[in-house]
Amino acid sequence: HTLEHVASFEPRPSWRIGGGNQGLPDAMAAALG
């Protein structure tokens, strides 16, 4: 599992959530009120 998924060495792209990943849990929590 480690070598196939976690520690791949291929130059694949990566992303972040604009403004900070905290935006997602904050938005989910706001919807839950």
PDB file of all heavy atoms in Angstrom:
ATOM      1  N   HIS A   1       0.825  -1.203   0.000  1.00  0.00           N
ATOM      2  CA  HIS A   1       0.000   0.000   0.000  1.00  0.00           C
ATOM      3  C   HIS A   1       0.862   1.256   0.000  1.00  0.00           C
ATOM      4  O   HIS A   1       0.576   2.236  -0.703  1.00  0.00           O
ATOM      5  CB  HIS A   1      -0.923   0.005   1.217  1.00  0.00           C
ATOM      6  CG  HIS A   1      -1.828   1.198   1.282  1.00  0.00           C
ATOM      7  ND1 HIS A   1      -1.469   2.359   1.916  1.00  0.00           N
ATOM      8  CD2 HIS A   1      -3.067   1.415   0.764  1.00  0.00           C
ATOM      9  CE1 HIS A   1      -2.445   3.242   1.796  1.00  0.00           C
ATOM     10  NE2 HIS A   1      -3.429   2.693   1.115  1.00  0.00           N
ATOM     11  N   THR A   2       1.936   1.255   0.754  1.00  0.00           N
ATOM     12  CA  THR A   2       2.787   2.435   0.868  1.00  0.00           C
ATOM     13  C   THR A   2       3.406   2.817  -0.458  1.00  0.00           C
ATOM     14  O   THR A   2       3.344   3.978  -0.886  1.00  0.00           O
ATOM     15  CB  THR A   2       3.895   2.195   1.909  1.00  0.00           C
ATOM     16  OG1 THR A   2       3.297   1.924   3.183  1.00  0.00           O
ATOM     17  CG2 THR A   2       4.803   3.400   2.025  1.00  0.00           C
ATOM     18  N   LEU A   3       4.012   1.874  -1.138  1.00  0.00           N
ATOM     19  CA  LEU A   3       4.737   2.187  -2.365  1.00  0.00           C
ATOM     20  C   LEU A   3       3.807   2.441  -3.544  1.00  0.00           C
ATOM     21  O   LEU A   3       4.157   3.165  -4.476  1.00  0.00           O
ATOM     22  CB  LEU A   3       5.716   1.064  -2.693  1.00  0.00           C
ATOM     23  CG  LEU A   3       6.867   0.940  -1.693  1.00  0.00           C
ATOM     24  CD1 LEU A   3       7.607  -0.369  -1.882  1.00  0.00           C
ATOM     25  CD2 LEU A   3       7.826   2.116  -1.832  1.00  0.00           C
ATOM     26  N   GLU A   4       2.615   1.886  -3.494  1.00  0.00           N
ATOM     27  CA  GLU A   4       1.673   2.091  -4.595  1.00  0.00           C
ATOM     28  C   GLU A   4       0.921   3.402  -4.466  1.00  0.00           C
ATOM     29  O   GLU A   4       0.666   4.086  -5.457  1.00  0.00           O
ATOM     30  CB  GLU A   4       0.667   0.937  -4.643  1.00  0.00           C
ATOM     31  CG  GLU A   4      -0.331   1.062  -5.790  1.00  0.00           C
ATOM     32  CD  GLU A   4      -1.345  -0.071  -5.812  1.00  0.00           C
ATOM     33  OE1 GLU A   4      -1.226  -0.991  -4.970  1.00  0.00           O
ATOM     34  OE2 GLU A   4      -2.240  -0.036  -6.658  1.00  0.00           O
ATOM     35  N   HIS A   5       0.569   3.781  -3.228  1.00  0.00           N
ATOM     36  CA  HIS A   5      -0.311   4.932  -3.041  1.00  0.00           C
ATOM     37  C   HIS A   5       0.373   6.100  -2.334  1.00  0.00           C
ATOM     38  O   HIS A   5       0.322   7.228  -2.817  1.00  0.00           O
ATOM     39  CB  HIS A   5      -1.545   4.513  -2.227  1.00  0.00           C
ATOM     40  CG  HIS A   5      -2.386   3.481  -2.896  1.00  0.00           C
ATOM     41  ND1 HIS A   5      -3.195   3.768  -3.965  1.00  0.00           N
ATOM     42  CD2 HIS A   5      -2.548   2.160  -2.643  1.00  0.00           C
ATOM     43  CE1 HIS A   5      -3.819   2.670  -4.361  1.00  0.00           C
ATOM     44  NE2 HIS A   5      -3.448   1.680  -3.569  1.00  0.00           N
ATOM     45  N   VAL A   6       0.984   5.841  -1.201  1.00  0.00           N
ATOM     46  CA  VAL A   6       1.420   6.926  -0.327  1.00  0.00           C
ATOM     47  C   VAL A   6       2.695   7.586  -0.810  1.00  0.00           C
ATOM     48  O   VAL A   6       2.843   8.805  -0.756  1.00  0.00           O
ATOM     49  CB  VAL A   6       1.611   6.402   1.115  1.00  0.00           C
ATOM     50  CG1 VAL A   6       2.069   7.523   2.035  1.00  0.00           C
ATOM     51  CG2 VAL A   6       0.320   5.789   1.622  1.00  0.00           C
ATOM     52  N   ALA A   7       3.621   6.792  -1.298  1.00  0.00           N
ATOM     53  CA  ALA A   7       4.944   7.314  -1.626  1.00  0.00           C
ATOM     54  C   ALA A   7       5.262   7.171  -3.107  1.00  0.00           C
ATOM     55  O   ALA A   7       6.337   6.733  -3.497  1.00  0.00           O
ATOM     56  CB  ALA A   7       6.007   6.617  -0.783  1.00  0.00           C
ATOM     57  N   SER A   8       4.322   7.562  -3.946  1.00  0.00           N
ATOM     58  CA  SER A   8       4.575   7.555  -5.382  1.00  0.00           C
ATOM     59  C   SER A   8       5.648   8.588  -5.719  1.00  0.00           C
ATOM     60  O   SER A   8       5.755   9.628  -5.067  1.00  0.00           O
ATOM     61  CB  SER A   8       3.285   7.871  -6.139  1.00  0.00           C
ATOM     62  OG  SER A   8       3.544   8.067  -7.501  1.00  0.00           O
ATOM     63  N   PHE A   9       6.418   8.313  -6.751  1.00  0.00           N
ATOM     64  CA  PHE A   9       7.506   9.209  -7.141  1.00  0.00           C
ATOM     65  C   PHE A   9       7.241   9.889  -8.479  1.00  0.00           C
ATOM     66  O   PHE A   9       8.103  10.592  -9.000  1.00  0.00           O
ATOM     67  CB  PHE A   9       8.826   8.419  -7.230  1.00  0.00           C
ATOM     68  CG  PHE A   9       9.269   7.842  -5.914  1.00  0.00           C
ATOM     69  CD1 PHE A   9       8.790   6.620  -5.470  1.00  0.00           C
ATOM     70  CD2 PHE A   9      10.152   8.527  -5.100  1.00  0.00           C
ATOM     71  CE1 PHE A   9       9.190   6.084  -4.252  1.00  0.00           C
ATOM     72  CE2 PHE A   9      10.557   8.002  -3.888  1.00  0.00           C
ATOM     73  CZ  PHE A   9      10.078   6.774  -3.456  1.00  0.00           C
ATOM     74  N   GLU A  10       6.057   9.676  -9.047  1.00  0.00           N
ATOM     75  CA  GLU A  10       5.736  10.270 -10.337  1.00  0.00           C
ATOM     76  C   GLU A  10       5.381  11.759 -10.159  1.00  0.00           C
ATOM     77  O   GLU A  10       4.775  12.135  -9.164  1.00  0.00           O
ATOM     78  CB  GLU A  10       4.564   9.536 -10.985  1.00  0.00           C
ATOM     79  CG  GLU A  10       4.869   8.074 -11.311  1.00  0.00           C
ATOM     80  CD  GLU A  10       6.023   7.931 -12.285  1.00  0.00           C
ATOM     81  OE1 GLU A  10       6.092   8.728 -13.242  1.00  0.00           O
ATOM     82  OE2 GLU A  10       6.860   7.031 -12.090  1.00  0.00           O
ATOM     83  N   PRO A  11       5.735  12.597 -11.127  1.00  0.00           N
ATOM     84  CA  PRO A  11       5.500  14.046 -10.996  1.00  0.00           C
ATOM     85  C   PRO A  11       4.049  14.445 -11.254  1.00  0.00           C
ATOM     86  O   PRO A  11       3.730  15.175 -12.197  1.00  0.00           O
ATOM     87  CB  PRO A  11       6.440  14.633 -12.049  1.00  0.00           C
ATOM     88  CG  PRO A  11       6.536  13.570 -13.097  1.00  0.00           C
ATOM     89  CD  PRO A  11       6.498  12.260 -12.343  1.00  0.00           C
ATOM     90  N   ARG A  12       3.162  13.987 -10.413  1.00  0.00           N
ATOM     91  CA  ARG A  12       1.742  14.320 -10.557  1.00  0.00           C
ATOM     92  C   ARG A  12       1.460  15.674  -9.914  1.00  0.00           C
ATOM     93  O   ARG A  12       2.160  16.096  -9.008  1.00  0.00           O
ATOM     94  CB  ARG A  12       0.892  13.244  -9.879  1.00  0.00           C
ATOM     95  CG  ARG A  12       1.142  11.841 -10.394  1.00  0.00           C
ATOM     96  CD  ARG A  12       0.458  10.814  -9.507  1.00  0.00           C
ATOM     97  NE  ARG A  12       0.759   9.447  -9.910  1.00  0.00           N
ATOM     98  CZ  ARG A  12       0.418   8.372  -9.216  1.00  0.00           C
ATOM     99  NH1 ARG A  12      -0.240   8.510  -8.077  1.00  0.00           N
ATOM    100  NH2 ARG A  12       0.731   7.170  -9.654  1.00  0.00           N
ATOM    101  N   PRO A  13       0.395  16.355 -10.358  1.00  0.00           N
ATOM    102  CA  PRO A  13       0.063  17.656  -9.764  1.00  0.00           C
ATOM    103  C   PRO A  13      -0.503  17.519  -8.358  1.00  0.00           C
ATOM    104  O   PRO A  13      -0.953  16.451  -7.940  1.00  0.00           O
ATOM    105  CB  PRO A  13      -0.983  18.225 -10.732  1.00  0.00           C
ATOM    106  CG  PRO A  13      -1.606  17.018 -11.355  1.00  0.00           C
ATOM    107  CD  PRO A  13      -0.505  15.997 -11.468  1.00  0.00           C
ATOM    108  N   SER A  14      -0.508  18.610  -7.632  1.00  0.00           N
ATOM    109  CA  SER A  14      -1.094  18.659  -6.300  1.00  0.00           C
ATOM    110  C   SER A  14      -1.731  20.033  -6.109  1.00  0.00           C
ATOM    111  O   SER A  14      -1.316  21.015  -6.727  1.00  0.00           O
ATOM    112  CB  SER A  14      -0.045  18.380  -5.223  1.00  0.00           C
ATOM    113  OG  SER A  14       1.126  19.162  -5.417  1.00  0.00           O
ATOM    114  N   TRP A  15      -2.734  20.080  -5.226  1.00  0.00           N
ATOM    115  CA  TRP A  15      -3.513  21.296  -5.034  1.00  0.00           C
ATOM    116  C   TRP A  15      -3.663  21.597  -3.549  1.00  0.00           C
ATOM    117  O   TRP A  15      -3.399  20.765  -2.703  1.00  0.00           O
ATOM    118  CB  TRP A  15      -4.916  21.132  -5.632  1.00  0.00           C
ATOM    119  CG  TRP A  15      -4.954  20.861  -7.103  1.00  0.00           C
ATOM    120  CD1 TRP A  15      -5.129  21.758  -8.114  1.00  0.00           C
ATOM    121  CD2 TRP A  15      -4.844  19.573  -7.745  1.00  0.00           C
ATOM    122  NE1 TRP A  15      -5.121  21.121  -9.338  1.00  0.00           N
ATOM    123  CE2 TRP A  15      -4.955  19.779  -9.143  1.00  0.00           C
ATOM    124  CE3 TRP A  15      -4.662  18.267  -7.273  1.00  0.00           C
ATOM    125  CZ2 TRP A  15      -4.892  18.734 -10.061  1.00  0.00           C
ATOM    126  CZ3 TRP A  15      -4.578  17.226  -8.176  1.00  0.00           C
ATOM    127  CH2 TRP A  15      -4.703  17.459  -9.563  1.00  0.00           C
ATOM    128  N   ARG A  16      -4.110  22.832  -3.277  1.00  0.00           N
ATOM    129  CA  ARG A  16      -4.561  23.243  -1.945  1.00  0.00           C
ATOM    130  C   ARG A  16      -5.882  23.996  -2.109  1.00  0.00           C
ATOM    131  O   ARG A  16      -6.186  24.489  -3.195  1.00  0.00           O
ATOM    132  CB  ARG A  16      -3.527  24.156  -1.265  1.00  0.00           C
ATOM    133  CG  ARG A  16      -2.179  23.502  -1.060  1.00  0.00           C
ATOM    134  CD  ARG A  16      -1.227  24.373  -0.267  1.00  0.00           C
ATOM    135  NE  ARG A  16      -0.805  25.566  -0.992  1.00  0.00           N
ATOM    136  CZ  ARG A  16       0.166  26.390  -0.570  1.00  0.00           C
ATOM    137  NH1 ARG A  16       0.778  26.135   0.563  1.00  0.00           N
ATOM    138  NH2 ARG A  16       0.499  27.450  -1.263  1.00  0.00           N
ATOM    139  N   ILE A  17      -6.632  24.095  -1.033  1.00  0.00           N
ATOM    140  CA  ILE A  17      -7.862  24.878  -1.077  1.00  0.00           C
ATOM    141  C   ILE A  17      -7.497  26.348  -0.956  1.00  0.00           C
ATOM    142  O   ILE A  17      -6.777  26.747  -0.030  1.00  0.00           O
ATOM    143  CB  ILE A  17      -8.835  24.460   0.034  1.00  0.00           C
ATOM    144  CG1 ILE A  17      -9.256  22.999  -0.148  1.00  0.00           C
ATOM    145  CG2 ILE A  17     -10.063  25.369   0.057  1.00  0.00           C
ATOM    146  CD1 ILE A  17     -10.136  22.461   0.970  1.00  0.00           C
ATOM    147  N   GLY A  18      -7.954  27.144  -1.919  1.00  0.00           N
ATOM    148  CA  GLY A  18      -7.616  28.558  -1.924  1.00  0.00           C
ATOM    149  C   GLY A  18      -8.016  29.264  -0.646  1.00  0.00           C
ATOM    150  O   GLY A  18      -9.144  29.115  -0.172  1.00  0.00           O
ATOM    151  N   GLY A  19      -7.074  30.022  -0.089  1.00  0.00           N
ATOM    152  CA  GLY A  19      -7.328  30.725   1.159  1.00  0.00           C
ATOM    153  C   GLY A  19      -7.104  29.897   2.396  1.00  0.00           C
ATOM    154  O   GLY A  19      -7.166  30.411   3.518  1.00  0.00           O
ATOM    155  N   GLY A  20      -6.845  28.603   2.226  1.00  0.00           N
ATOM    156  CA  GLY A  20      -6.593  27.728   3.374  1.00  0.00           C
ATOM    157  C   GLY A  20      -7.549  26.559   3.427  1.00  0.00           C
ATOM    158  O   GLY A  20      -8.756  26.714   3.204  1.00  0.00           O
ATOM    159  N   ASN A  21      -7.012  25.376   3.708  1.00  0.00           N
ATOM    160  CA  ASN A  21      -7.848  24.177   3.801  1.00  0.00           C
ATOM    161  C   ASN A  21      -8.897  24.273   4.910  1.00  0.00           C
ATOM    162  O   ASN A  21      -9.899  23.563   4.886  1.00  0.00           O
ATOM    163  CB  ASN A  21      -6.971  22.947   4.039  1.00  0.00           C
ATOM    164  CG  ASN A  21      -6.122  22.590   2.833  1.00  0.00           C
ATOM    165  OD1 ASN A  21      -6.314  23.130   1.739  1.00  0.00           O
ATOM    166  ND2 ASN A  21      -5.177  21.683   3.021  1.00  0.00           N
ATOM    167  N   GLN A  22      -8.655  25.168   5.879  1.00  0.00           N
ATOM    168  CA  GLN A  22      -9.617  25.370   6.965  1.00  0.00           C
ATOM    169  C   GLN A  22     -10.982  25.796   6.435  1.00  0.00           C
ATOM    170  O   GLN A  22     -12.005  25.596   7.089  1.00  0.00           O
ATOM    171  CB  GLN A  22      -9.080  26.448   7.915  1.00  0.00           C
ATOM    172  CG  GLN A  22      -9.904  26.673   9.167  1.00  0.00           C
ATOM    173  CD  GLN A  22      -9.628  25.646  10.250  1.00  0.00           C
ATOM    174  OE1 GLN A  22      -8.472  25.332  10.487  1.00  0.00           O
ATOM    175  NE2 GLN A  22     -10.657  25.146  10.899  1.00  0.00           N
ATOM    176  N   GLY A  23     -10.988  26.348   5.227  1.00  0.00           N
ATOM    177  CA  GLY A  23     -12.248  26.783   4.639  1.00  0.00           C
ATOM    178  C   GLY A  23     -13.265  25.668   4.516  1.00  0.00           C
ATOM    179  O   GLY A  23     -14.479  25.907   4.636  1.00  0.00           O
ATOM    180  N   LEU A  24     -12.804  24.438   4.286  1.00  0.00           N
ATOM    181  CA  LEU A  24     -13.747  23.331   4.136  1.00  0.00           C
ATOM    182  C   LEU A  24     -14.409  22.949   5.454  1.00  0.00           C
ATOM    183  O   LEU A  24     -15.649  22.928   5.531  1.00  0.00           O
ATOM    184  CB  LEU A  24     -13.073  22.126   3.486  1.00  0.00           C
ATOM    185  CG  LEU A  24     -13.977  20.905   3.276  1.00  0.00           C
ATOM    186  CD1 LEU A  24     -15.221  21.287   2.474  1.00  0.00           C
ATOM    187  CD2 LEU A  24     -13.219  19.770   2.595  1.00  0.00           C
ATOM    188  N   PRO A  25     -13.663  22.625   6.515  1.00  0.00           N
ATOM    189  CA  PRO A  25     -14.362  22.308   7.767  1.00  0.00           C
ATOM    190  C   PRO A  25     -15.186  23.474   8.294  1.00  0.00           C
ATOM    191  O   PRO A  25     -16.264  23.272   8.868  1.00  0.00           O
ATOM    192  CB  PRO A  25     -13.241  21.918   8.736  1.00  0.00           C
ATOM    193  CG  PRO A  25     -11.990  22.429   8.132  1.00  0.00           C
ATOM    194  CD  PRO A  25     -12.209  22.408   6.651  1.00  0.00           C
ATOM    195  N   ASP A  26     -14.720  24.707   8.093  1.00  0.00           N
ATOM    196  CA  ASP A  26     -15.499  25.859   8.540  1.00  0.00           C
ATOM    197  C   ASP A  26     -16.842  25.921   7.813  1.00  0.00           C
ATOM    198  O   ASP A  26     -17.888  26.193   8.420  1.00  0.00           O
ATOM    199  CB  ASP A  26     -14.723  27.151   8.315  1.00  0.00           C
ATOM    200  CG  ASP A  26     -13.622  27.374   9.346  1.00  0.00           C
ATOM    201  OD1 ASP A  26     -13.571  26.628  10.341  1.00  0.00           O
ATOM    202  OD2 ASP A  26     -12.812  28.300   9.150  1.00  0.00           O
ATOM    203  N   ALA A  27     -16.814  25.677   6.505  1.00  0.00           N
ATOM    204  CA  ALA A  27     -18.046  25.719   5.724  1.00  0.00           C
ATOM    205  C   ALA A  27     -18.989  24.583   6.114  1.00  0.00           C
ATOM    206  O   ALA A  27     -20.206  24.772   6.219  1.00  0.00           O
ATOM    207  CB  ALA A  27     -17.726  25.656   4.234  1.00  0.00           C
ATOM    208  N   MET A  28     -18.432  23.396   6.334  1.00  0.00           N
ATOM    209  CA  MET A  28     -19.256  22.260   6.734  1.00  0.00           C
ATOM    210  C   MET A  28     -19.889  22.506   8.101  1.00  0.00           C
ATOM    211  O   MET A  28     -21.063  22.197   8.332  1.00  0.00           O
ATOM    212  CB  MET A  28     -18.413  20.986   6.755  1.00  0.00           C
ATOM    213  CG  MET A  28     -17.882  20.579   5.383  1.00  0.00           C
ATOM    214  SD  MET A  28     -16.716  19.201   5.452  1.00  0.00           S
ATOM    215  CE  MET A  28     -17.839  17.825   5.785  1.00  0.00           C
ATOM    216  N   ALA A  29     -19.116  23.084   9.015  1.00  0.00           N
ATOM    217  CA  ALA A  29     -19.639  23.372  10.349  1.00  0.00           C
ATOM    218  C   ALA A  29     -20.706  24.460  10.295  1.00  0.00           C
ATOM    219  O   ALA A  29     -21.708  24.399  11.016  1.00  0.00           O
ATOM    220  CB  ALA A  29     -18.502  23.788  11.272  1.00  0.00           C
ATOM    221  N   ALA A  30     -20.505  25.460   9.434  1.00  0.00           N
ATOM    222  CA  ALA A  30     -21.498  26.528   9.307  1.00  0.00           C
ATOM    223  C   ALA A  30     -22.834  25.956   8.841  1.00  0.00           C
ATOM    224  O   ALA A  30     -23.903  26.382   9.294  1.00  0.00           O
ATOM    225  CB  ALA A  30     -20.999  27.591   8.344  1.00  0.00           C
ATOM    226  N   ALA A  31     -22.784  24.985   7.937  1.00  0.00           N
ATOM    227  CA  ALA A  31     -24.011  24.360   7.449  1.00  0.00           C
ATOM    228  C   ALA A  31     -24.704  23.557   8.554  1.00  0.00           C
ATOM    229  O   ALA A  31     -25.941  23.437   8.566  1.00  0.00           O
ATOM    230  CB  ALA A  31     -23.701  23.461   6.262  1.00  0.00           C
ATOM    231  N   LEU A  32     -23.927  23.036   9.489  1.00  0.00           N
ATOM    232  CA  LEU A  32     -24.499  22.269  10.601  1.00  0.00           C
ATOM    233  C   LEU A  32     -25.030  23.172  11.705  1.00  0.00           C
ATOM    234  O   LEU A  32     -25.859  22.747  12.522  1.00  0.00           O
ATOM    235  CB  LEU A  32     -23.438  21.327  11.178  1.00  0.00           C
ATOM    236  CG  LEU A  32     -23.020  20.165  10.275  1.00  0.00           C
ATOM    237  CD1 LEU A  32     -21.760  19.507  10.817  1.00  0.00           C
ATOM    238  CD2 LEU A  32     -24.150  19.147  10.137  1.00  0.00           C
ATOM    239  N   GLY A  33     -24.533  24.392  11.761  1.00  0.00           N
ATOM    240  CA  GLY A  33     -25.037  25.373  12.715  1.00  0.00           C
ATOM    241  C   GLY A  33     -24.853  24.980  14.162  1.00  0.00           C
ATOM    242  O   GLY A  33     -23.783  24.515  14.566  1.00  0.00           O
TER     243      GLY A  33
END
